Structures are given as C-alpha cells and as structure tokens.
Amino acid sequence: AGMAIDQGIALYFAAPASFTGEDVLELQ
C-alpha cells in the first residue's frame, strides 16, 4: 500500500558479481 515498514540501507549486486553468482539484494 506504500506505507513504510522500516527505513534502512538497500544494496544491489548484479550477477555474476555477487556471493551467489545471481542478482542479490540486501535490505539492511
């Protein structure tokens, strides 16, 4: 609904340069 759940840092790692070799998104 667009309401805030939390505030934080978002990090995006594109494949293959990530831990799993896939796209990885971390929400801190």
mmCIF file of all heavy atoms, coordinates in Angstrom:
data_MODEL
# 
_entry.id   MODEL 
# 
loop_
_atom_site.group_PDB 
_atom_site.id 
_atom_site.type_symbol 
_atom_site.label_atom_id 
_atom_site.label_alt_id 
_atom_site.label_comp_id 
_atom_site.label_asym_id 
_atom_site.label_entity_id 
_atom_site.label_seq_id 
_atom_site.pdbx_PDB_ins_code 
_atom_site.Cartn_x 
_atom_site.Cartn_y 
_atom_site.Cartn_z 
_atom_site.occupancy 
_atom_site.B_iso_or_equiv 
_atom_site.pdbx_formal_charge 
_atom_site.auth_seq_id 
_atom_site.auth_comp_id 
_atom_site.auth_asym_id 
_atom_site.auth_atom_id 
_atom_site.pdbx_PDB_model_num 
ATOM 1   N N   . ALA A 1 1  ? 0.812  -1.220  0.000   1.00 0.00 ? 1  ALA A N   1 
ATOM 2   C CA  . ALA A 1 1  ? 0.000  0.000   0.000   1.00 0.00 ? 1  ALA A CA  1 
ATOM 3   C C   . ALA A 1 1  ? 0.842  1.265   0.000   1.00 0.00 ? 1  ALA A C   1 
ATOM 4   O O   . ALA A 1 1  ? 0.288  2.368   -0.001  1.00 0.00 ? 1  ALA A O   1 
ATOM 5   C CB  . ALA A 1 1  ? -0.928 -0.010  1.210   1.00 0.00 ? 1  ALA A CB  1 
ATOM 6   N N   . GLY A 1 2  ? 2.149  1.101   0.015   1.00 0.00 ? 2  GLY A N   1 
ATOM 7   C CA  . GLY A 1 2  ? 3.017  2.267   0.010   1.00 0.00 ? 2  GLY A CA  1 
ATOM 8   C C   . GLY A 1 2  ? 3.355  2.799   1.381   1.00 0.00 ? 2  GLY A C   1 
ATOM 9   O O   . GLY A 1 2  ? 4.045  3.821   1.500   1.00 0.00 ? 2  GLY A O   1 
ATOM 10  N N   . MET A 1 3  ? 2.896  2.116   2.418   1.00 0.00 ? 3  MET A N   1 
ATOM 11  C CA  . MET A 1 3  ? 3.221  2.552   3.775   1.00 0.00 ? 3  MET A CA  1 
ATOM 12  C C   . MET A 1 3  ? 4.597  2.027   4.184   1.00 0.00 ? 3  MET A C   1 
ATOM 13  O O   . MET A 1 3  ? 4.986  0.923   3.817   1.00 0.00 ? 3  MET A O   1 
ATOM 14  C CB  . MET A 1 3  ? 2.157  2.043   4.757   1.00 0.00 ? 3  MET A CB  1 
ATOM 15  C CG  . MET A 1 3  ? 0.761  2.599   4.506   1.00 0.00 ? 3  MET A CG  1 
ATOM 16  S SD  . MET A 1 3  ? -0.429 2.024   5.729   1.00 0.00 ? 3  MET A SD  1 
ATOM 17  C CE  . MET A 1 3  ? 0.267  2.731   7.222   1.00 0.00 ? 3  MET A CE  1 
ATOM 18  N N   . ALA A 1 4  ? 5.315  2.850   4.947   1.00 0.00 ? 4  ALA A N   1 
ATOM 19  C CA  . ALA A 1 4  ? 6.674  2.485   5.345   1.00 0.00 ? 4  ALA A CA  1 
ATOM 20  C C   . ALA A 1 4  ? 6.662  1.344   6.352   1.00 0.00 ? 4  ALA A C   1 
ATOM 21  O O   . ALA A 1 4  ? 5.946  1.396   7.362   1.00 0.00 ? 4  ALA A O   1 
ATOM 22  C CB  . ALA A 1 4  ? 7.395  3.694   5.912   1.00 0.00 ? 4  ALA A CB  1 
ATOM 23  N N   . ILE A 1 5  ? 7.442  0.317   6.059   1.00 0.00 ? 5  ILE A N   1 
ATOM 24  C CA  . ILE A 1 5  ? 7.667  -0.776  7.003   1.00 0.00 ? 5  ILE A CA  1 
ATOM 25  C C   . ILE A 1 5  ? 8.848  -0.442  7.910   1.00 0.00 ? 5  ILE A C   1 
ATOM 26  O O   . ILE A 1 5  ? 8.840  -0.689  9.109   1.00 0.00 ? 5  ILE A O   1 
ATOM 27  C CB  . ILE A 1 5  ? 7.950  -2.097  6.252   1.00 0.00 ? 5  ILE A CB  1 
ATOM 28  C CG1 . ILE A 1 5  ? 6.762  -2.497  5.395   1.00 0.00 ? 5  ILE A CG1 1 
ATOM 29  C CG2 . ILE A 1 5  ? 8.309  -3.220  7.230   1.00 0.00 ? 5  ILE A CG2 1 
ATOM 30  C CD1 . ILE A 1 5  ? 7.044  -3.685  4.484   1.00 0.00 ? 5  ILE A CD1 1 
ATOM 31  N N   . ASP A 1 6  ? 9.868  0.164   7.301   1.00 0.00 ? 6  ASP A N   1 
ATOM 32  C CA  . ASP A 1 6  ? 11.109 0.456   8.012   1.00 0.00 ? 6  ASP A CA  1 
ATOM 33  C C   . ASP A 1 6  ? 11.911 1.433   7.168   1.00 0.00 ? 6  ASP A C   1 
ATOM 34  O O   . ASP A 1 6  ? 11.557 1.734   6.013   1.00 0.00 ? 6  ASP A O   1 
ATOM 35  C CB  . ASP A 1 6  ? 11.909 -0.846  8.222   1.00 0.00 ? 6  ASP A CB  1 
ATOM 36  C CG  . ASP A 1 6  ? 13.039 -0.701  9.238   1.00 0.00 ? 6  ASP A CG  1 
ATOM 37  O OD1 . ASP A 1 6  ? 13.145 0.374   9.865   1.00 0.00 ? 6  ASP A OD1 1 
ATOM 38  O OD2 . ASP A 1 6  ? 13.808 -1.670  9.397   1.00 0.00 ? 6  ASP A OD2 1 
ATOM 39  N N   . GLN A 1 7  ? 12.989 1.938   7.718   1.00 0.00 ? 7  GLN A N   1 
ATOM 40  C CA  . GLN A 1 7  ? 13.957 2.737   6.997   1.00 0.00 ? 7  GLN A CA  1 
ATOM 41  C C   . GLN A 1 7  ? 15.321 2.074   7.122   1.00 0.00 ? 7  GLN A C   1 
ATOM 42  O O   . GLN A 1 7  ? 15.657 1.526   8.179   1.00 0.00 ? 7  GLN A O   1 
ATOM 43  C CB  . GLN A 1 7  ? 14.051 4.163   7.561   1.00 0.00 ? 7  GLN A CB  1 
ATOM 44  C CG  . GLN A 1 7  ? 12.825 5.017   7.311   1.00 0.00 ? 7  GLN A CG  1 
ATOM 45  C CD  . GLN A 1 7  ? 12.996 6.413   7.902   1.00 0.00 ? 7  GLN A CD  1 
ATOM 46  O OE1 . GLN A 1 7  ? 13.605 6.556   8.957   1.00 0.00 ? 7  GLN A OE1 1 
ATOM 47  N NE2 . GLN A 1 7  ? 12.460 7.407   7.227   1.00 0.00 ? 7  GLN A NE2 1 
ATOM 48  N N   . GLY A 1 8  ? 16.108 2.096   6.027   1.00 0.00 ? 8  GLY A N   1 
ATOM 49  C CA  . GLY A 1 8  ? 17.405 1.457   6.108   1.00 0.00 ? 8  GLY A CA  1 
ATOM 50  C C   . GLY A 1 8  ? 18.213 1.604   4.841   1.00 0.00 ? 8  GLY A C   1 
ATOM 51  O O   . GLY A 1 8  ? 17.963 2.512   4.030   1.00 0.00 ? 8  GLY A O   1 
ATOM 52  N N   . ILE A 1 9  ? 19.153 0.710   4.659   1.00 0.00 ? 9  ILE A N   1 
ATOM 53  C CA  . ILE A 1 9  ? 20.067 0.735   3.532   1.00 0.00 ? 9  ILE A CA  1 
ATOM 54  C C   . ILE A 1 9  ? 19.754 -0.427  2.596   1.00 0.00 ? 9  ILE A C   1 
ATOM 55  O O   . ILE A 1 9  ? 19.597 -1.570  3.033   1.00 0.00 ? 9  ILE A O   1 
ATOM 56  C CB  . ILE A 1 9  ? 21.540 0.614   3.997   1.00 0.00 ? 9  ILE A CB  1 
ATOM 57  C CG1 . ILE A 1 9  ? 21.884 1.751   4.952   1.00 0.00 ? 9  ILE A CG1 1 
ATOM 58  C CG2 . ILE A 1 9  ? 22.492 0.599   2.810   1.00 0.00 ? 9  ILE A CG2 1 
ATOM 59  C CD1 . ILE A 1 9  ? 21.837 3.125   4.323   1.00 0.00 ? 9  ILE A CD1 1 
ATOM 60  N N   . ALA A 1 10 ? 19.681 -0.128  1.290   1.00 0.00 ? 10 ALA A N   1 
ATOM 61  C CA  . ALA A 1 10 ? 19.468 -1.147  0.268   1.00 0.00 ? 10 ALA A CA  1 
ATOM 62  C C   . ALA A 1 10 ? 20.733 -1.261  -0.574  1.00 0.00 ? 10 ALA A C   1 
ATOM 63  O O   . ALA A 1 10 ? 21.280 -0.253  -1.023  1.00 0.00 ? 10 ALA A O   1 
ATOM 64  C CB  . ALA A 1 10 ? 18.274 -0.800  -0.610  1.00 0.00 ? 10 ALA A CB  1 
ATOM 65  N N   . LEU A 1 11 ? 21.193 -2.489  -0.785  1.00 0.00 ? 11 LEU A N   1 
ATOM 66  C CA  . LEU A 1 11 ? 22.385 -2.774  -1.587  1.00 0.00 ? 11 LEU A CA  1 
ATOM 67  C C   . LEU A 1 11 ? 22.016 -3.764  -2.680  1.00 0.00 ? 11 LEU A C   1 
ATOM 68  O O   . LEU A 1 11 ? 21.392 -4.797  -2.404  1.00 0.00 ? 11 LEU A O   1 
ATOM 69  C CB  . LEU A 1 11 ? 23.500 -3.362  -0.722  1.00 0.00 ? 11 LEU A CB  1 
ATOM 70  C CG  . LEU A 1 11 ? 24.120 -2.434  0.328   1.00 0.00 ? 11 LEU A CG  1 
ATOM 71  C CD1 . LEU A 1 11 ? 24.987 -3.245  1.285   1.00 0.00 ? 11 LEU A CD1 1 
ATOM 72  C CD2 . LEU A 1 11 ? 24.952 -1.357  -0.340  1.00 0.00 ? 11 LEU A CD2 1 
ATOM 73  N N   . TYR A 1 12 ? 22.425 -3.434  -3.900  1.00 0.00 ? 12 TYR A N   1 
ATOM 74  C CA  . TYR A 1 12 ? 22.116 -4.300  -5.042  1.00 0.00 ? 12 TYR A CA  1 
ATOM 75  C C   . TYR A 1 12 ? 23.410 -4.773  -5.692  1.00 0.00 ? 12 TYR A C   1 
ATOM 76  O O   . TYR A 1 12 ? 24.291 -3.979  -6.015  1.00 0.00 ? 12 TYR A O   1 
ATOM 77  C CB  . TYR A 1 12 ? 21.257 -3.545  -6.056  1.00 0.00 ? 12 TYR A CB  1 
ATOM 78  C CG  . TYR A 1 12 ? 21.032 -4.284  -7.360  1.00 0.00 ? 12 TYR A CG  1 
ATOM 79  C CD1 . TYR A 1 12 ? 20.303 -5.476  -7.378  1.00 0.00 ? 12 TYR A CD1 1 
ATOM 80  C CD2 . TYR A 1 12 ? 21.539 -3.790  -8.562  1.00 0.00 ? 12 TYR A CD2 1 
ATOM 81  C CE1 . TYR A 1 12 ? 20.094 -6.156  -8.568  1.00 0.00 ? 12 TYR A CE1 1 
ATOM 82  C CE2 . TYR A 1 12 ? 21.324 -4.459  -9.760  1.00 0.00 ? 12 TYR A CE2 1 
ATOM 83  C CZ  . TYR A 1 12 ? 20.608 -5.648  -9.756  1.00 0.00 ? 12 TYR A CZ  1 
ATOM 84  O OH  . TYR A 1 12 ? 20.397 -6.326  -10.926 1.00 0.00 ? 12 TYR A OH  1 
ATOM 85  N N   . PHE A 1 13 ? 23.532 -6.100  -5.864  1.00 0.00 ? 13 PHE A N   1 
ATOM 86  C CA  . PHE A 1 13 ? 24.688 -6.697  -6.516  1.00 0.00 ? 13 PHE A CA  1 
ATOM 87  C C   . PHE A 1 13 ? 24.197 -7.443  -7.754  1.00 0.00 ? 13 PHE A C   1 
ATOM 88  O O   . PHE A 1 13 ? 23.377 -8.354  -7.632  1.00 0.00 ? 13 PHE A O   1 
ATOM 89  C CB  . PHE A 1 13 ? 25.402 -7.673  -5.585  1.00 0.00 ? 13 PHE A CB  1 
ATOM 90  C CG  . PHE A 1 13 ? 25.839 -7.058  -4.278  1.00 0.00 ? 13 PHE A CG  1 
ATOM 91  C CD1 . PHE A 1 13 ? 24.964 -7.035  -3.185  1.00 0.00 ? 13 PHE A CD1 1 
ATOM 92  C CD2 . PHE A 1 13 ? 27.094 -6.506  -4.132  1.00 0.00 ? 13 PHE A CD2 1 
ATOM 93  C CE1 . PHE A 1 13 ? 25.354 -6.469  -1.981  1.00 0.00 ? 13 PHE A CE1 1 
ATOM 94  C CE2 . PHE A 1 13 ? 27.493 -5.940  -2.933  1.00 0.00 ? 13 PHE A CE2 1 
ATOM 95  C CZ  . PHE A 1 13 ? 26.623 -5.916  -1.858  1.00 0.00 ? 13 PHE A CZ  1 
ATOM 96  N N   . ALA A 1 14 ? 24.683 -7.043  -8.927  1.00 0.00 ? 14 ALA A N   1 
ATOM 97  C CA  . ALA A 1 14 ? 24.235 -7.667  -10.169 1.00 0.00 ? 14 ALA A CA  1 
ATOM 98  C C   . ALA A 1 14 ? 25.033 -8.923  -10.451 1.00 0.00 ? 14 ALA A C   1 
ATOM 99  O O   . ALA A 1 14 ? 26.238 -8.989  -10.192 1.00 0.00 ? 14 ALA A O   1 
ATOM 100 C CB  . ALA A 1 14 ? 24.374 -6.683  -11.328 1.00 0.00 ? 14 ALA A CB  1 
ATOM 101 N N   . ALA A 1 15 ? 24.353 -9.916  -10.991 1.00 0.00 ? 15 ALA A N   1 
ATOM 102 C CA  . ALA A 1 15 ? 25.035 -11.157 -11.392 1.00 0.00 ? 15 ALA A CA  1 
ATOM 103 C C   . ALA A 1 15 ? 26.061 -10.849 -12.489 1.00 0.00 ? 15 ALA A C   1 
ATOM 104 O O   . ALA A 1 15 ? 25.845 -9.953  -13.314 1.00 0.00 ? 15 ALA A O   1 
ATOM 105 C CB  . ALA A 1 15 ? 24.001 -12.161 -11.897 1.00 0.00 ? 15 ALA A CB  1 
ATOM 106 N N   . PRO A 1 16 ? 27.189 -11.565 -12.493 1.00 0.00 ? 16 PRO A N   1 
ATOM 107 C CA  . PRO A 1 16 ? 27.582 -12.663 -11.595 1.00 0.00 ? 16 PRO A CA  1 
ATOM 108 C C   . PRO A 1 16 ? 28.434 -12.196 -10.411 1.00 0.00 ? 16 PRO A C   1 
ATOM 109 O O   . PRO A 1 16 ? 28.948 -13.035 -9.683  1.00 0.00 ? 16 PRO A O   1 
ATOM 110 C CB  . PRO A 1 16 ? 28.392 -13.564 -12.516 1.00 0.00 ? 16 PRO A CB  1 
ATOM 111 C CG  . PRO A 1 16 ? 29.095 -12.597 -13.421 1.00 0.00 ? 16 PRO A CG  1 
ATOM 112 C CD  . PRO A 1 16 ? 28.118 -11.467 -13.646 1.00 0.00 ? 16 PRO A CD  1 
ATOM 113 N N   . ALA A 1 17 ? 28.599 -10.875 -10.257 1.00 0.00 ? 17 ALA A N   1 
ATOM 114 C CA  . ALA A 1 17 ? 29.494 -10.341 -9.218  1.00 0.00 ? 17 ALA A CA  1 
ATOM 115 C C   . ALA A 1 17 ? 28.763 -10.232 -7.885  1.00 0.00 ? 17 ALA A C   1 
ATOM 116 O O   . ALA A 1 17 ? 28.496 -9.143  -7.374  1.00 0.00 ? 17 ALA A O   1 
ATOM 117 C CB  . ALA A 1 17 ? 30.049 -8.987  -9.639  1.00 0.00 ? 17 ALA A CB  1 
ATOM 118 N N   . SER A 1 18 ? 28.422 -11.397 -7.322  1.00 0.00 ? 18 SER A N   1 
ATOM 119 C CA  . SER A 1 18 ? 27.741 -11.431 -6.030  1.00 0.00 ? 18 SER A CA  1 
ATOM 120 C C   . SER A 1 18 ? 28.116 -12.721 -5.324  1.00 0.00 ? 18 SER A C   1 
ATOM 121 O O   . SER A 1 18 ? 28.767 -13.595 -5.904  1.00 0.00 ? 18 SER A O   1 
ATOM 122 C CB  . SER A 1 18 ? 26.216 -11.370 -6.218  1.00 0.00 ? 18 SER A CB  1 
ATOM 123 O OG  . SER A 1 18 ? 25.737 -12.576 -6.784  1.00 0.00 ? 18 SER A OG  1 
ATOM 124 N N   . PHE A 1 19 ? 27.694 -12.857 -4.081  1.00 0.00 ? 19 PHE A N   1 
ATOM 125 C CA  . PHE A 1 19 ? 28.016 -14.057 -3.315  1.00 0.00 ? 19 PHE A CA  1 
ATOM 126 C C   . PHE A 1 19 ? 27.468 -15.308 -3.984  1.00 0.00 ? 19 PHE A C   1 
ATOM 127 O O   . PHE A 1 19 ? 28.152 -16.329 -4.088  1.00 0.00 ? 19 PHE A O   1 
ATOM 128 C CB  . PHE A 1 19 ? 27.459 -13.930 -1.894  1.00 0.00 ? 19 PHE A CB  1 
ATOM 129 C CG  . PHE A 1 19 ? 27.610 -15.178 -1.072  1.00 0.00 ? 19 PHE A CG  1 
ATOM 130 C CD1 . PHE A 1 19 ? 28.844 -15.562 -0.589  1.00 0.00 ? 19 PHE A CD1 1 
ATOM 131 C CD2 . PHE A 1 19 ? 26.505 -15.979 -0.780  1.00 0.00 ? 19 PHE A CD2 1 
ATOM 132 C CE1 . PHE A 1 19 ? 29.004 -16.719 0.169   1.00 0.00 ? 19 PHE A CE1 1 
ATOM 133 C CE2 . PHE A 1 19 ? 26.643 -17.139 -0.028  1.00 0.00 ? 19 PHE A CE2 1 
ATOM 134 C CZ  . PHE A 1 19 ? 27.902 -17.507 0.446   1.00 0.00 ? 19 PHE A CZ  1 
ATOM 135 N N   . THR A 1 20 ? 26.232 -15.256 -4.468  1.00 0.00 ? 20 THR A N   1 
ATOM 136 C CA  . THR A 1 20 ? 25.604 -16.436 -5.064  1.00 0.00 ? 20 THR A CA  1 
ATOM 137 C C   . THR A 1 20 ? 25.872 -16.565 -6.557  1.00 0.00 ? 20 THR A C   1 
ATOM 138 O O   . THR A 1 20 ? 25.595 -17.610 -7.140  1.00 0.00 ? 20 THR A O   1 
ATOM 139 C CB  . THR A 1 20 ? 24.081 -16.412 -4.857  1.00 0.00 ? 20 THR A CB  1 
ATOM 140 O OG1 . THR A 1 20 ? 23.548 -15.264 -5.532  1.00 0.00 ? 20 THR A OG1 1 
ATOM 141 C CG2 . THR A 1 20 ? 23.720 -16.356 -3.384  1.00 0.00 ? 20 THR A CG2 1 
ATOM 142 N N   . GLY A 1 21 ? 26.402 -15.501 -7.189  1.00 0.00 ? 21 GLY A N   1 
ATOM 143 C CA  . GLY A 1 21 ? 26.555 -15.504 -8.635  1.00 0.00 ? 21 GLY A CA  1 
ATOM 144 C C   . GLY A 1 21 ? 25.288 -15.066 -9.349  1.00 0.00 ? 21 GLY A C   1 
ATOM 145 O O   . GLY A 1 21 ? 25.269 -14.963 -10.582 1.00 0.00 ? 21 GLY A O   1 
ATOM 146 N N   . GLU A 1 22 ? 24.225 -14.791 -8.599  1.00 0.00 ? 22 GLU A N   1 
ATOM 147 C CA  . GLU A 1 22 ? 22.966 -14.277 -9.136  1.00 0.00 ? 22 GLU A CA  1 
ATOM 148 C C   . GLU A 1 22 ? 22.813 -12.819 -8.706  1.00 0.00 ? 22 GLU A C   1 
ATOM 149 O O   . GLU A 1 22 ? 23.645 -12.292 -7.964  1.00 0.00 ? 22 GLU A O   1 
ATOM 150 C CB  . GLU A 1 22 ? 21.785 -15.092 -8.602  1.00 0.00 ? 22 GLU A CB  1 
ATOM 151 C CG  . GLU A 1 22 ? 21.903 -16.588 -8.837  1.00 0.00 ? 22 GLU A CG  1 
ATOM 152 C CD  . GLU A 1 22 ? 20.856 -17.377 -8.062  1.00 0.00 ? 22 GLU A CD  1 
ATOM 153 O OE1 . GLU A 1 22 ? 20.362 -16.876 -7.041  1.00 0.00 ? 22 GLU A OE1 1 
ATOM 154 O OE2 . GLU A 1 22 ? 20.544 -18.491 -8.490  1.00 0.00 ? 22 GLU A OE2 1 
ATOM 155 N N   . ASP A 1 23 ? 21.742 -12.158 -9.169  1.00 0.00 ? 23 ASP A N   1 
ATOM 156 C CA  . ASP A 1 23 ? 21.397 -10.863 -8.585  1.00 0.00 ? 23 ASP A CA  1 
ATOM 157 C C   . ASP A 1 23 ? 21.138 -11.063 -7.094  1.00 0.00 ? 23 ASP A C   1 
ATOM 158 O O   . ASP A 1 23 ? 20.465 -12.020 -6.691  1.00 0.00 ? 23 ASP A O   1 
ATOM 159 C CB  . ASP A 1 23 ? 20.135 -10.289 -9.225  1.00 0.00 ? 23 ASP A CB  1 
ATOM 160 C CG  . ASP A 1 23 ? 20.389 -9.704  -10.615 1.00 0.00 ? 23 ASP A CG  1 
ATOM 161 O OD1 . ASP A 1 23 ? 21.552 -9.766  -11.066 1.00 0.00 ? 23 ASP A OD1 1 
ATOM 162 O OD2 . ASP A 1 23 ? 19.437 -9.200  -11.227 1.00 0.00 ? 23 ASP A OD2 1 
ATOM 163 N N   . VAL A 1 24 ? 21.683 -10.178 -6.283  1.00 0.00 ? 24 VAL A N   1 
ATOM 164 C CA  . VAL A 1 24 ? 21.457 -10.243 -4.842  1.00 0.00 ? 24 VAL A CA  1 
ATOM 165 C C   . VAL A 1 24 ? 21.033 -8.851  -4.364  1.00 0.00 ? 24 VAL A C   1 
ATOM 166 O O   . VAL A 1 24 ? 21.647 -7.843  -4.711  1.00 0.00 ? 24 VAL A O   1 
ATOM 167 C CB  . VAL A 1 24 ? 22.724 -10.689 -4.081  1.00 0.00 ? 24 VAL A CB  1 
ATOM 168 C CG1 . VAL A 1 24 ? 22.532 -10.517 -2.570  1.00 0.00 ? 24 VAL A CG1 1 
ATOM 169 C CG2 . VAL A 1 24 ? 23.044 -12.143 -4.396  1.00 0.00 ? 24 VAL A CG2 1 
ATOM 170 N N   . LEU A 1 25 ? 19.983 -8.818  -3.556  1.00 0.00 ? 25 LEU A N   1 
ATOM 171 C CA  . LEU A 1 25 ? 19.501 -7.583  -2.942  1.00 0.00 ? 25 LEU A CA  1 
ATOM 172 C C   . LEU A 1 25 ? 19.524 -7.765  -1.435  1.00 0.00 ? 25 LEU A C   1 
ATOM 173 O O   . LEU A 1 25 ? 18.985 -8.745  -0.920  1.00 0.00 ? 25 LEU A O   1 
ATOM 174 C CB  . LEU A 1 25 ? 18.070 -7.279  -3.412  1.00 0.00 ? 25 LEU A CB  1 
ATOM 175 C CG  . LEU A 1 25 ? 17.380 -6.059  -2.783  1.00 0.00 ? 25 LEU A CG  1 
ATOM 176 C CD1 . LEU A 1 25 ? 18.124 -4.769  -3.111  1.00 0.00 ? 25 LEU A CD1 1 
ATOM 177 C CD2 . LEU A 1 25 ? 15.919 -5.980  -3.247  1.00 0.00 ? 25 LEU A CD2 1 
ATOM 178 N N   . GLU A 1 26 ? 20.189 -6.838  -0.747  1.00 0.00 ? 26 GLU A N   1 
ATOM 179 C CA  . GLU A 1 26 ? 20.222 -6.875  0.715   1.00 0.00 ? 26 GLU A CA  1 
ATOM 180 C C   . GLU A 1 26 ? 19.538 -5.635  1.255   1.00 0.00 ? 26 GLU A C   1 
ATOM 181 O O   . GLU A 1 26 ? 19.864 -4.508  0.881   1.00 0.00 ? 26 GLU A O   1 
ATOM 182 C CB  . GLU A 1 26 ? 21.658 -6.962  1.235   1.00 0.00 ? 26 GLU A CB  1 
ATOM 183 C CG  . GLU A 1 26 ? 22.290 -8.318  1.020   1.00 0.00 ? 26 GLU A CG  1 
ATOM 184 C CD  . GLU A 1 26 ? 23.527 -8.545  1.882   1.00 0.00 ? 26 GLU A CD  1 
ATOM 185 O OE1 . GLU A 1 26 ? 23.933 -7.583  2.585   1.00 0.00 ? 26 GLU A OE1 1 
ATOM 186 O OE2 . GLU A 1 26 ? 24.065 -9.656  1.850   1.00 0.00 ? 26 GLU A OE2 1 
ATOM 187 N N   . LEU A 1 27 ? 18.592 -5.866  2.140   1.00 0.00 ? 27 LEU A N   1 
ATOM 188 C CA  . LEU A 1 27 ? 17.848 -4.799  2.796   1.00 0.00 ? 27 LEU A CA  1 
ATOM 189 C C   . LEU A 1 27 ? 18.264 -4.786  4.260   1.00 0.00 ? 27 LEU A C   1 
ATOM 190 O O   . LEU A 1 27 ? 17.976 -5.709  5.008   1.00 0.00 ? 27 LEU A O   1 
ATOM 191 C CB  . LEU A 1 27 ? 16.345 -5.044  2.660   1.00 0.00 ? 27 LEU A CB  1 
ATOM 192 C CG  . LEU A 1 27 ? 15.832 -5.204  1.212   1.00 0.00 ? 27 LEU A CG  1 
ATOM 193 C CD1 . LEU A 1 27 ? 14.368 -5.602  1.207   1.00 0.00 ? 27 LEU A CD1 1 
ATOM 194 C CD2 . LEU A 1 27 ? 16.055 -3.931  0.409   1.00 0.00 ? 27 LEU A CD2 1 
ATOM 195 N N   . GLN A 1 28 ? 18.987 -3.745  4.647   1.00 0.00 ? 28 GLN A N   1 
ATOM 196 C CA  . GLN A 1 28 ? 19.528 -3.631  5.992   1.00 0.00 ? 28 GLN A CA  1 
ATOM 197 C C   . GLN A 1 28 ? 18.708 -2.612  6.778   1.00 0.00 ? 28 GLN A C   1 
ATOM 198 O O   . GLN A 1 28 ? 18.771 -1.421  6.520   1.00 0.00 ? 28 GLN A O   1 
ATOM 199 C CB  . GLN A 1 28 ? 20.997 -3.203  5.943   1.00 0.00 ? 28 GLN A CB  1 
ATOM 200 C CG  . GLN A 1 28 ? 21.869 -4.143  5.130   1.00 0.00 ? 28 GLN A CG  1 
ATOM 201 C CD  . GLN A 1 28 ? 23.304 -3.690  5.061   1.00 0.00 ? 28 GLN A CD  1 
ATOM 202 O OE1 . GLN A 1 28 ? 23.688 -2.704  5.680   1.00 0.00 ? 28 GLN A OE1 1 
ATOM 203 N NE2 . GLN A 1 28 ? 24.121 -4.411  4.298   1.00 0.00 ? 28 GLN A NE2 1 
# 
